[in-house]
Amino acid sequence: MVGGLLGDDHLSAAIAYDQLGTFLALAIYGSYISSRFGTGDSGGRAILQRLSRFGPFLALLTVIPLRIIGIHADVVAVLNDIGYTVAPVAMGALGLRFTLRVDRSVIAPAVTGLIIKMVAVPAVLFLVALIFASTGDLMWSTSILESAAPPMVTAGVVAIASGFNEKLVAFVVGVGTLAAFAWLPMVSLVL
Protein backbone atom coordinates (compact mmCIF):
# COMPACT_ATOMS: atom_id res chain seq x y z
CA MET A 1 0.00 0.00 0.00
CA VAL A 2 2.95 2.33 0.70
CA GLY A 3 4.21 1.96 -2.87
CA GLY A 4 0.78 2.73 -4.29
CA LEU A 5 0.06 5.72 -2.06
CA LEU A 6 3.49 7.33 -1.61
CA GLY A 7 5.57 5.83 -4.43
CA ASP A 8 8.08 3.03 -4.85
CA ASP A 9 10.88 5.19 -3.45
CA HIS A 10 9.23 4.83 -0.03
CA LEU A 11 9.29 1.01 -0.08
CA SER A 12 12.74 0.55 1.48
CA ALA A 13 11.76 2.85 4.35
CA ALA A 14 8.49 0.93 4.79
CA ILE A 15 10.33 -2.39 4.91
CA ALA A 16 12.75 -1.03 7.51
CA TYR A 17 9.80 0.32 9.52
CA ASP A 18 7.97 -3.02 9.34
CA GLN A 19 10.93 -5.29 10.00
CA LEU A 20 12.76 -3.37 12.68
CA GLY A 21 10.26 -0.93 14.13
CA THR A 22 6.89 -2.63 14.13
CA PHE A 23 8.14 -6.19 14.31
CA LEU A 24 10.58 -5.64 17.16
CA ALA A 25 7.87 -3.76 19.03
CA LEU A 26 5.54 -6.72 18.55
CA ALA A 27 8.16 -9.25 19.58
CA ILE A 28 9.47 -7.43 22.65
CA TYR A 29 6.66 -5.14 23.85
CA GLY A 30 4.00 -7.59 22.69
CA SER A 31 5.66 -10.37 24.70
CA TYR A 32 5.69 -8.09 27.74
CA ILE A 33 1.99 -7.19 27.33
CA SER A 34 1.07 -10.84 26.73
CA SER A 35 2.94 -11.95 29.83
CA ARG A 36 1.69 -9.11 31.99
CA PHE A 37 -1.97 -9.00 31.01
CA GLY A 38 -2.65 -12.25 29.15
CA THR A 39 -3.14 -15.67 30.60
CA GLY A 40 -0.15 -17.56 31.89
CA ASP A 41 2.99 -16.54 33.76
CA SER A 42 4.27 -12.98 33.96
CA GLY A 43 7.68 -11.51 34.64
CA GLY A 44 11.02 -11.37 32.91
CA ARG A 45 11.45 -15.11 32.63
CA ALA A 46 8.01 -15.54 31.02
CA ILE A 47 8.80 -12.77 28.54
CA LEU A 48 12.06 -14.45 27.56
CA GLN A 49 10.27 -17.79 27.20
CA ARG A 50 7.65 -16.24 24.92
CA LEU A 51 10.34 -14.56 22.84
CA SER A 52 12.29 -17.81 22.59
CA ARG A 53 9.20 -19.55 21.16
CA PHE A 54 8.05 -16.69 18.91
CA GLY A 55 8.97 -17.97 15.44
CA PRO A 56 9.09 -14.61 13.63
CA PHE A 57 11.45 -13.18 16.26
CA LEU A 58 13.71 -16.21 15.98
CA ALA A 59 13.66 -15.84 12.20
CA LEU A 60 14.73 -12.21 12.53
CA LEU A 61 17.61 -13.18 14.82
CA THR A 62 18.65 -15.88 12.33
CA VAL A 63 18.54 -13.55 9.35
CA ILE A 64 20.92 -10.97 10.83
CA PRO A 65 24.04 -13.17 10.68
CA LEU A 66 22.87 -14.78 7.42
CA ARG A 67 22.82 -11.36 5.74
CA ILE A 68 26.48 -10.94 6.70
CA ILE A 69 27.49 -14.46 5.65
CA GLY A 70 25.25 -14.64 2.60
CA ILE A 71 23.17 -17.60 1.50
CA HIS A 72 22.52 -19.23 -1.85
CA ALA A 73 19.82 -17.65 -4.02
CA ASP A 74 17.85 -20.92 -4.15
CA VAL A 75 17.63 -21.00 -0.35
CA VAL A 76 16.49 -17.37 -0.34
CA ALA A 77 13.80 -18.22 -2.90
CA VAL A 78 12.48 -21.10 -0.76
CA LEU A 79 12.50 -18.95 2.39
CA ASN A 80 10.67 -16.16 0.54
CA ASP A 81 8.01 -18.64 -0.59
CA ILE A 82 7.54 -19.80 2.99
CA GLY A 83 7.41 -16.19 4.20
CA TYR A 84 4.67 -15.34 1.70
CA THR A 85 2.38 -17.85 3.43
CA VAL A 86 2.52 -16.19 6.87
CA ALA A 87 0.16 -13.27 6.22
CA PRO A 88 -2.57 -15.28 4.43
CA VAL A 89 -2.57 -17.97 7.14
CA ALA A 90 -2.71 -15.38 9.93
CA MET A 91 -5.44 -13.44 8.14
CA GLY A 92 -7.42 -16.62 7.63
CA ALA A 93 -7.09 -17.54 11.30
CA LEU A 94 -8.39 -14.14 12.40
CA GLY A 95 -10.89 -13.86 9.57
CA LEU A 96 -12.67 -16.98 10.75
CA ARG A 97 -13.27 -15.21 14.07
CA PHE A 98 -14.30 -11.83 12.59
CA THR A 99 -17.89 -10.67 12.62
CA LEU A 100 -19.48 -7.22 12.55
CA ARG A 101 -22.04 -8.40 15.10
CA VAL A 102 -20.37 -8.17 18.46
CA ASP A 103 -21.35 -7.56 22.06
CA ARG A 104 -21.79 -3.90 22.93
CA SER A 105 -19.05 -4.34 25.52
CA VAL A 106 -16.55 -4.84 22.66
CA ILE A 107 -17.42 -1.72 20.65
CA ALA A 108 -16.13 0.99 23.03
CA PRO A 109 -12.69 -0.57 23.65
CA ALA A 110 -12.38 -1.46 19.95
CA VAL A 111 -13.15 2.06 18.77
CA THR A 112 -10.84 3.52 21.42
CA GLY A 113 -8.01 1.21 20.35
CA LEU A 114 -8.51 1.98 16.67
CA ILE A 115 -8.61 5.75 17.26
CA ILE A 116 -5.40 5.60 19.27
CA LYS A 117 -3.63 3.30 16.79
CA MET A 118 -4.83 4.77 13.49
CA VAL A 119 -5.49 8.44 14.33
CA ALA A 120 -3.79 9.67 17.52
CA VAL A 121 -0.36 8.07 17.00
CA PRO A 122 -0.06 9.28 13.37
CA ALA A 123 -1.26 12.73 14.43
CA VAL A 124 1.49 12.95 17.07
CA LEU A 125 4.08 11.80 14.53
CA PHE A 126 2.77 14.35 12.04
CA LEU A 127 3.15 17.15 14.62
CA VAL A 128 6.67 16.00 15.52
CA ALA A 129 7.56 15.98 11.81
CA LEU A 130 6.10 19.46 11.37
CA ILE A 131 8.11 20.81 14.28
CA PHE A 132 11.45 19.04 13.78
CA ALA A 133 11.58 18.01 10.12
CA SER A 134 9.22 17.91 7.17
CA THR A 135 6.18 15.74 6.65
CA GLY A 136 7.27 15.45 3.01
CA ASP A 137 10.56 13.82 4.03
CA LEU A 138 10.71 10.23 2.80
CA MET A 139 11.30 8.63 6.20
CA TRP A 140 8.78 10.81 8.04
CA SER A 141 5.99 10.43 5.49
CA THR A 142 6.52 6.67 5.36
CA SER A 143 6.55 6.42 9.16
CA ILE A 144 3.38 8.48 9.47
CA LEU A 145 1.54 6.37 6.87
CA GLU A 146 2.76 3.13 8.46
CA SER A 147 1.65 4.30 11.90
CA ALA A 148 -1.82 5.02 10.48
CA ALA A 149 -2.11 1.43 9.26
CA PRO A 150 -4.51 -0.94 11.01
CA PRO A 151 -3.39 -3.20 13.86
CA MET A 152 -1.15 -6.04 12.72
CA VAL A 153 -2.77 -9.38 11.99
CA THR A 154 0.21 -11.10 13.64
CA ALA A 155 -0.32 -9.02 16.77
CA GLY A 156 -3.93 -10.14 16.79
CA VAL A 157 -2.91 -13.78 16.57
CA VAL A 158 -0.43 -13.29 19.43
CA ALA A 159 -3.11 -11.51 21.51
CA ILE A 160 -5.62 -14.32 21.01
CA ALA A 161 -2.99 -16.95 21.82
CA SER A 162 -2.23 -15.02 25.02
CA GLY A 163 -5.82 -15.24 26.18
CA PHE A 164 -7.08 -11.78 25.29
CA ASN A 165 -10.74 -11.32 24.35
CA GLU A 166 -10.98 -13.15 21.04
CA LYS A 167 -14.01 -11.22 19.79
CA LEU A 168 -12.44 -7.86 20.65
CA VAL A 169 -9.13 -8.71 18.94
CA ALA A 170 -10.79 -10.06 15.79
CA PHE A 171 -13.13 -7.04 15.64
CA VAL A 172 -10.28 -4.52 16.06
CA VAL A 173 -8.10 -6.14 13.41
CA GLY A 174 -11.01 -6.75 11.00
CA VAL A 175 -12.60 -3.31 11.27
CA GLY A 176 -9.18 -1.66 11.25
CA THR A 177 -8.28 -3.46 8.03
CA LEU A 178 -11.57 -2.48 6.38
CA ALA A 179 -11.25 1.14 7.56
CA ALA A 180 -7.69 1.32 6.23
CA PHE A 181 -8.92 1.08 2.65
CA ALA A 182 -10.45 4.55 3.04
CA TRP A 183 -8.28 5.95 5.85
CA LEU A 184 -4.79 5.37 4.44
CA PRO A 185 -5.47 7.13 1.10
CA MET A 186 -6.81 10.12 3.09
CA VAL A 187 -3.67 10.18 5.25
CA SER A 188 -1.46 9.97 2.16
CA LEU A 189 -3.13 13.09 0.73
CA VAL A 190 -1.91 15.09 3.73
CA LEU A 191 1.63 13.82 3.24
Foldseek 3Di string as FASTA:
>chain_A
DCCVLPNPVLVVLLVCCVLPPVVVCCLQVVLQCLQPPFDDHHDDVSSVVSSVPPVVNVVSVVVVVCVVVDDDPVVVVVVVVVVVVVQVVLCVVLVVLEDPDDDPVLVVVLVVVLCVQQPVVLVVLCVCCVVPHHCSDSNSVSVSLVSNQFDDSVSLVSCVVSHHDSHNSSHNRVVRNVVCVVRSSVSSVVD
